[in-house]
């Protein structure tokens, strides 16, 4: 794994656990993409991975934010920034997407 992506994943995981709305989110890495997912109990008690938000490495320490549409496709948002900045954006504007559903 790319060292800058690994550092970003570690920092992202650390930041997500600091806030109630994002606590419990897991970070899945594939190439330059970090996907925030929740693992929920699906039919028959099997784990169901539910992707919520995706961060794409844009270079340097910058990441772009995408959200999963109801169609199953990812849509880029205008939000970009460092890991710290995009986590703050997610907490402030995307709580409904990342919160644990009862």
C-alpha atoms as a PDB file:
ATOM      1  CA  UNK A   1       0.000   0.000   0.000  1.00  0.00           C
ATOM      2  CA  UNK A   2       1.171   3.523  -0.798  1.00  0.00           C
ATOM      3  CA  UNK A   3       2.656   5.054   2.401  1.00  0.00           C
ATOM      4  CA  UNK A   4       0.670   8.306   2.040  1.00  0.00           C
ATOM      5  CA  UNK A   5      -2.575   6.332   1.625  1.00  0.00           C
ATOM      6  CA  UNK A   6      -1.682   4.206   4.650  1.00  0.00           C
ATOM      7  CA  UNK A   7      -1.068   7.327   6.766  1.00  0.00           C
ATOM      8  CA  UNK A   8      -4.345   8.805   5.520  1.00  0.00           C
ATOM      9  CA  UNK A   9      -6.204   5.605   6.432  1.00  0.00           C
ATOM     10  CA  UNK A  10      -4.724   5.609   9.927  1.00  0.00           C
ATOM     11  CA  UNK A  11      -5.538   9.284  10.488  1.00  0.00           C
ATOM     12  CA  UNK A  12      -9.031   8.854   9.053  1.00  0.00           C
ATOM     13  CA  UNK A  13      -9.774   5.897  11.350  1.00  0.00           C
ATOM     14  CA  UNK A  14      -8.520   7.896  14.328  1.00  0.00           C
ATOM     15  CA  UNK A  15     -10.675  10.942  13.497  1.00  0.00           C
ATOM     16  CA  UNK A  16     -13.815   8.894  12.828  1.00  0.00           C
ATOM     17  CA  UNK A  17     -13.720   7.361  16.305  1.00  0.00           C
ATOM     18  CA  UNK A  18     -13.602  10.804  17.954  1.00  0.00           C
ATOM     19  CA  UNK A  19     -17.162  11.792  17.028  1.00  0.00           C
ATOM     20  CA  UNK A  20     -20.372   9.959  17.887  1.00  0.00           C
ATOM     21  CA  UNK A  21     -21.901  10.326  14.417  1.00  0.00           C
ATOM     22  CA  UNK A  22     -18.878   8.732  12.695  1.00  0.00           C
ATOM     23  CA  UNK A  23     -17.821   6.263  15.392  1.00  0.00           C
ATOM     24  CA  UNK A  24     -18.001   2.704  14.142  1.00  0.00           C
ATOM     25  CA  UNK A  25     -17.324   3.561  10.511  1.00  0.00           C
ATOM     26  CA  UNK A  26     -14.645   1.381   8.960  1.00  0.00           C
ATOM     27  CA  UNK A  27     -12.207   2.442   6.254  1.00  0.00           C
ATOM     28  CA  UNK A  28     -11.740   0.173   3.255  1.00  0.00           C
ATOM     29  CA  UNK A  29      -8.823   0.948   0.923  1.00  0.00           C
ATOM     30  CA  UNK A  30      -8.610   0.116  -2.754  1.00  0.00           C
ATOM     31  CA  UNK A  31      -5.847   1.851  -4.654  1.00  0.00           C
ATOM     32  CA  UNK A  32      -6.255   5.597  -4.117  1.00  0.00           C
ATOM     33  CA  UNK A  33      -9.806   5.306  -2.775  1.00  0.00           C
ATOM     34  CA  UNK A  34     -10.773   5.168   0.899  1.00  0.00           C
ATOM     35  CA  UNK A  35     -14.386   4.128   1.413  1.00  0.00           C
ATOM     36  CA  UNK A  36     -16.181   4.722   4.695  1.00  0.00           C
ATOM     37  CA  UNK A  37     -18.472   1.773   5.413  1.00  0.00           C
ATOM     38  CA  UNK A  38     -20.696   0.486   8.163  1.00  0.00           C
ATOM     39  CA  UNK A  39     -21.004  -3.227   8.721  1.00  0.00           C
ATOM     40  CA  UNK A  40     -24.547  -4.116   9.685  1.00  0.00           C
ATOM     41  CA  UNK A  41     -26.336  -7.384  10.290  1.00  0.00           C
ATOM     42  CA  UNK A  42     -28.051  -8.500   7.121  1.00  0.00           C
ATOM     43  CA  UNK A  43     -30.540 -11.272   6.372  1.00  0.00           C
ATOM     44  CA  UNK A  44     -29.793 -14.476   8.249  1.00  0.00           C
ATOM     45  CA  UNK A  45     -27.425 -12.639  10.581  1.00  0.00           C
ATOM     46  CA  UNK A  46     -24.763 -12.308   7.899  1.00  0.00           C
ATOM     47  CA  UNK A  47     -22.611  -9.144   7.860  1.00  0.00           C
ATOM     48  CA  UNK A  48     -23.737  -6.588   5.301  1.00  0.00           C
ATOM     49  CA  UNK A  49     -21.178  -3.973   4.236  1.00  0.00           C
ATOM     50  CA  UNK A  50     -22.884  -0.630   3.636  1.00  0.00           C
ATOM     51  CA  UNK A  51     -20.668   1.970   1.871  1.00  0.00           C
ATOM     52  CA  UNK A  52     -21.479   5.545   2.876  1.00  0.00           C
ATOM     53  CA  UNK A  53     -18.837   8.025   1.620  1.00  0.00           C
ATOM     54  CA  UNK A  54     -15.766   7.723  -0.550  1.00  0.00           C
ATOM     55  CA  UNK A  55     -12.541   9.744  -0.443  1.00  0.00           C
ATOM     56  CA  UNK A  56     -10.337   9.801  -3.523  1.00  0.00           C
ATOM     57  CA  UNK A  57      -6.669  10.776  -3.234  1.00  0.00           C
ATOM     58  CA  UNK A  58      -6.094  13.782  -5.490  1.00  0.00           C
ATOM     59  CA  UNK A  59      -2.363  14.073  -4.835  1.00  0.00           C
ATOM     60  CA  UNK A  60      -0.273  15.400  -2.006  1.00  0.00           C
ATOM     61  CA  UNK A  61      -2.441  15.521   1.104  1.00  0.00           C
ATOM     62  CA  UNK A  62      -5.693  16.353  -0.771  1.00  0.00           C
ATOM     63  CA  UNK A  63      -8.777  14.167  -1.054  1.00  0.00           C
ATOM     64  CA  UNK A  64     -12.071  14.583  -2.860  1.00  0.00           C
ATOM     65  CA  UNK A  65     -15.399  13.474  -1.366  1.00  0.00           C
ATOM     66  CA  UNK A  66     -17.990  11.392  -3.227  1.00  0.00           C
ATOM     67  CA  UNK A  67     -21.364  10.106  -2.040  1.00  0.00           C
ATOM     68  CA  UNK A  68     -23.245   6.989  -3.050  1.00  0.00           C
ATOM     69  CA  UNK A  69     -26.434   7.755  -4.961  1.00  0.00           C
ATOM     70  CA  UNK A  70     -29.608   5.686  -4.785  1.00  0.00           C
ATOM     71  CA  UNK A  71     -28.708   4.352  -8.248  1.00  0.00           C
ATOM     72  CA  UNK A  72     -25.581   2.706  -6.849  1.00  0.00           C
ATOM     73  CA  UNK A  73     -23.196   5.118  -8.566  1.00  0.00           C
ATOM     74  CA  UNK A  74     -20.767   7.459  -6.837  1.00  0.00           C
ATOM     75  CA  UNK A  75     -21.247  11.187  -7.324  1.00  0.00           C
ATOM     76  CA  UNK A  76     -18.422  13.629  -6.733  1.00  0.00           C
ATOM     77  CA  UNK A  77     -19.152  16.545  -4.457  1.00  0.00           C
ATOM     78  CA  UNK A  78     -17.407  19.935  -4.604  1.00  0.00           C
ATOM     79  CA  UNK A  79     -15.687  19.160  -1.290  1.00  0.00           C
ATOM     80  CA  UNK A  80     -11.936  18.583  -1.182  1.00  0.00           C
ATOM     81  CA  UNK A  81      -9.267  18.945   1.463  1.00  0.00           C
ATOM     82  CA  UNK A  82      -6.919  17.189   3.821  1.00  0.00           C
ATOM     83  CA  UNK A  83      -8.160  14.196   5.783  1.00  0.00           C
ATOM     84  CA  UNK A  84      -8.837  16.453   8.769  1.00  0.00           C
ATOM     85  CA  UNK A  85     -10.765  18.927   6.597  1.00  0.00           C
ATOM     86  CA  UNK A  86     -12.896  16.348   4.791  1.00  0.00           C
ATOM     87  CA  UNK A  87     -13.799  14.598   8.050  1.00  0.00           C
ATOM     88  CA  UNK A  88     -14.994  17.948   9.409  1.00  0.00           C
ATOM     89  CA  UNK A  89     -17.034  18.476   6.213  1.00  0.00           C
ATOM     90  CA  UNK A  90     -18.571  15.009   6.565  1.00  0.00           C
ATOM     91  CA  UNK A  91     -19.465  15.642  10.209  1.00  0.00           C
ATOM     92  CA  UNK A  92     -20.988  19.050   9.468  1.00  0.00           C
ATOM     93  CA  UNK A  93     -22.847  18.369   6.212  1.00  0.00           C
ATOM     94  CA  UNK A  94     -23.256  14.610   5.742  1.00  0.00           C
ATOM     95  CA  UNK A  95     -24.385  13.323   9.127  1.00  0.00           C
ATOM     96  CA  UNK A  96     -27.456  11.757   7.545  1.00  0.00           C
ATOM     97  CA  UNK A  97     -25.223   9.658   5.292  1.00  0.00           C
ATOM     98  CA  UNK A  98     -22.737   8.366   7.849  1.00  0.00           C
ATOM     99  CA  UNK A  99     -24.777   8.025  11.053  1.00  0.00           C
ATOM    100  CA  UNK A 100     -25.586   4.560  12.362  1.00  0.00           C
ATOM    101  CA  UNK A 101     -29.203   3.781  11.507  1.00  0.00           C
ATOM    102  CA  UNK A 102     -31.302   2.388  14.337  1.00  0.00           C
END
